[in-house]
Amino acid sequence: MSGKIIHFKTAKKQLGYARKESQASENKAKFGRDKLQISKEKFASSKFKRHLDSHKTDND
């Protein structure tokens, strides 16, 4: 038997690390935003909310 000895425990751990790494990269692409994008979205949502609030009527 000539070949490399494989320890199943370490191979299983390495497979788990690889899966977690691929999941992390997918999440970065899906949810990752930089500060500029976040601040732009917050500004746009607050601007829209102010616009809607300014058009409310008081029906007490």
N, C-alpha and C. Protein backbone atom coordinates (compact mmCIF):
# COMPACT_ATOMS: atom_id res chain seq x y z
N MET A 1 0.84 -1.17 0.00
CA MET A 1 0.00 0.00 0.00
C MET A 1 0.88 1.23 0.00
N SER A 2 0.97 1.85 -1.11
CA SER A 2 1.72 3.10 -1.17
C SER A 2 0.73 4.23 -1.38
N GLY A 3 0.77 5.14 -0.49
CA GLY A 3 -0.16 6.26 -0.57
C GLY A 3 -0.11 7.06 0.71
N LYS A 4 -0.79 8.14 0.67
CA LYS A 4 -0.82 9.03 1.82
C LYS A 4 -1.89 8.56 2.79
N ILE A 5 -1.56 8.58 4.05
CA ILE A 5 -2.51 8.19 5.08
C ILE A 5 -3.45 9.37 5.33
N ILE A 6 -4.74 9.07 5.29
CA ILE A 6 -5.76 10.10 5.50
C ILE A 6 -6.43 9.86 6.84
N HIS A 7 -6.43 10.87 7.65
CA HIS A 7 -7.16 10.81 8.90
C HIS A 7 -8.54 11.40 8.63
N PHE A 8 -9.54 10.60 8.83
CA PHE A 8 -10.89 11.02 8.47
C PHE A 8 -11.37 12.20 9.31
N LYS A 9 -10.93 12.29 10.54
CA LYS A 9 -11.35 13.40 11.39
C LYS A 9 -10.85 14.74 10.82
N THR A 10 -9.58 14.77 10.43
CA THR A 10 -9.03 16.01 9.87
C THR A 10 -9.61 16.30 8.50
N ALA A 11 -9.86 15.27 7.71
CA ALA A 11 -10.47 15.48 6.39
C ALA A 11 -11.88 16.03 6.54
N LYS A 12 -12.61 15.54 7.52
CA LYS A 12 -13.96 16.02 7.78
C LYS A 12 -13.95 17.48 8.22
N LYS A 13 -12.98 17.82 9.08
CA LYS A 13 -12.86 19.20 9.53
C LYS A 13 -12.52 20.13 8.36
N GLN A 14 -11.60 19.70 7.51
CA GLN A 14 -11.23 20.52 6.36
C GLN A 14 -12.39 20.72 5.41
N LEU A 15 -13.19 19.69 5.24
CA LEU A 15 -14.38 19.80 4.40
C LEU A 15 -15.37 20.79 5.02
N GLY A 16 -15.53 20.73 6.31
CA GLY A 16 -16.41 21.68 7.01
C GLY A 16 -15.92 23.11 6.88
N TYR A 17 -14.60 23.31 7.00
CA TYR A 17 -14.03 24.65 6.85
C TYR A 17 -14.27 25.17 5.43
N ALA A 18 -14.11 24.31 4.45
CA ALA A 18 -14.32 24.72 3.06
C ALA A 18 -15.78 25.10 2.83
N ARG A 19 -16.70 24.35 3.40
CA ARG A 19 -18.13 24.67 3.26
C ARG A 19 -18.45 26.00 3.92
N LYS A 20 -17.90 26.22 5.11
CA LYS A 20 -18.16 27.48 5.81
C LYS A 20 -17.58 28.66 5.03
N GLU A 21 -16.42 28.47 4.44
CA GLU A 21 -15.80 29.53 3.66
C GLU A 21 -16.64 29.87 2.43
N SER A 22 -17.16 28.85 1.75
CA SER A 22 -17.99 29.12 0.58
C SER A 22 -19.30 29.80 0.99
N GLN A 23 -19.86 29.40 2.13
CA GLN A 23 -21.09 30.04 2.63
C GLN A 23 -20.81 31.49 2.99
N ALA A 24 -19.67 31.74 3.59
CA ALA A 24 -19.31 33.11 3.97
C ALA A 24 -19.14 33.99 2.73
N SER A 25 -18.53 33.47 1.69
CA SER A 25 -18.36 34.28 0.47
C SER A 25 -19.71 34.54 -0.20
N GLU A 26 -20.62 33.58 -0.15
CA GLU A 26 -21.96 33.80 -0.70
C GLU A 26 -22.69 34.87 0.09
N ASN A 27 -22.57 34.83 1.42
CA ASN A 27 -23.22 35.83 2.26
C ASN A 27 -22.63 37.21 2.05
N LYS A 28 -21.32 37.29 1.82
CA LYS A 28 -20.70 38.58 1.54
C LYS A 28 -21.27 39.18 0.27
N ALA A 29 -21.45 38.36 -0.74
CA ALA A 29 -22.00 38.85 -2.00
C ALA A 29 -23.46 39.24 -1.84
N LYS A 30 -24.18 38.49 -1.03
CA LYS A 30 -25.62 38.74 -0.89
C LYS A 30 -25.91 39.91 0.05
N PHE A 31 -25.25 39.93 1.20
CA PHE A 31 -25.58 40.91 2.23
C PHE A 31 -24.52 41.98 2.44
N GLY A 32 -23.35 41.77 1.94
CA GLY A 32 -22.25 42.69 2.21
C GLY A 32 -22.42 44.01 1.49
N ARG A 33 -22.37 45.09 2.25
CA ARG A 33 -22.43 46.43 1.68
C ARG A 33 -21.39 47.28 2.40
N ASP A 34 -20.82 48.23 1.69
CA ASP A 34 -19.86 49.09 2.36
C ASP A 34 -20.59 50.26 3.02
N LYS A 35 -19.85 51.05 3.77
CA LYS A 35 -20.46 52.13 4.55
C LYS A 35 -21.16 53.15 3.67
N LEU A 36 -20.60 53.43 2.52
CA LEU A 36 -21.18 54.41 1.62
C LEU A 36 -22.56 53.96 1.14
N GLN A 37 -22.67 52.70 0.77
CA GLN A 37 -23.96 52.18 0.33
C GLN A 37 -24.98 52.21 1.45
N ILE A 38 -24.57 51.85 2.66
CA ILE A 38 -25.48 51.85 3.80
C ILE A 38 -25.96 53.26 4.10
N SER A 39 -25.04 54.22 4.09
CA SER A 39 -25.43 55.60 4.39
C SER A 39 -26.34 56.16 3.30
N LYS A 40 -26.10 55.81 2.04
CA LYS A 40 -26.98 56.25 0.96
C LYS A 40 -28.38 55.70 1.13
N GLU A 41 -28.48 54.42 1.49
CA GLU A 41 -29.79 53.80 1.68
C GLU A 41 -30.52 54.42 2.87
N LYS A 42 -29.80 54.69 3.95
CA LYS A 42 -30.43 55.32 5.11
C LYS A 42 -30.93 56.72 4.75
N PHE A 43 -30.12 57.46 4.02
CA PHE A 43 -30.51 58.81 3.61
C PHE A 43 -31.73 58.76 2.71
N ALA A 44 -31.75 57.85 1.76
CA ALA A 44 -32.88 57.74 0.85
C ALA A 44 -34.16 57.35 1.59
N SER A 45 -34.04 56.42 2.53
CA SER A 45 -35.24 56.00 3.26
C SER A 45 -35.74 57.11 4.17
N SER A 46 -34.83 57.84 4.81
CA SER A 46 -35.26 58.95 5.67
C SER A 46 -35.86 60.07 4.84
N LYS A 47 -35.30 60.32 3.67
CA LYS A 47 -35.84 61.35 2.78
C LYS A 47 -37.25 60.97 2.33
N PHE A 48 -37.45 59.71 2.00
CA PHE A 48 -38.76 59.24 1.58
C PHE A 48 -39.76 59.34 2.73
N LYS A 49 -39.33 58.99 3.94
CA LYS A 49 -40.20 59.08 5.11
C LYS A 49 -40.58 60.53 5.38
N ARG A 50 -39.64 61.44 5.29
CA ARG A 50 -39.95 62.87 5.48
C ARG A 50 -40.93 63.35 4.42
N HIS A 51 -40.75 62.89 3.20
CA HIS A 51 -41.65 63.28 2.11
C HIS A 51 -43.06 62.80 2.39
N LEU A 52 -43.19 61.56 2.84
CA LEU A 52 -44.52 61.04 3.16
C LEU A 52 -45.13 61.76 4.36
N ASP A 53 -44.32 62.02 5.38
CA ASP A 53 -44.83 62.70 6.56
C ASP A 53 -45.28 64.12 6.25
N SER A 54 -44.63 64.77 5.31
CA SER A 54 -45.02 66.13 4.98
C SER A 54 -46.35 66.20 4.25
N HIS A 55 -46.77 65.09 3.67
CA HIS A 55 -48.04 65.05 2.94
C HIS A 55 -49.19 64.46 3.76
N LYS A 56 -48.94 64.19 5.03
CA LYS A 56 -50.01 63.67 5.88
C LYS A 56 -51.02 64.77 6.19
N THR A 57 -52.24 64.35 6.35
CA THR A 57 -53.29 65.29 6.78
C THR A 57 -53.68 64.95 8.19
N ASP A 58 -54.01 65.96 8.95
CA ASP A 58 -54.43 65.75 10.34
C ASP A 58 -55.94 65.65 10.37
N ASN A 59 -56.41 64.46 10.61
CA ASN A 59 -57.85 64.22 10.74
C ASN A 59 -58.13 63.79 12.16
N ASP A 60 -58.16 64.75 13.06
CA ASP A 60 -58.37 64.43 14.48
C ASP A 60 -59.82 64.24 14.79
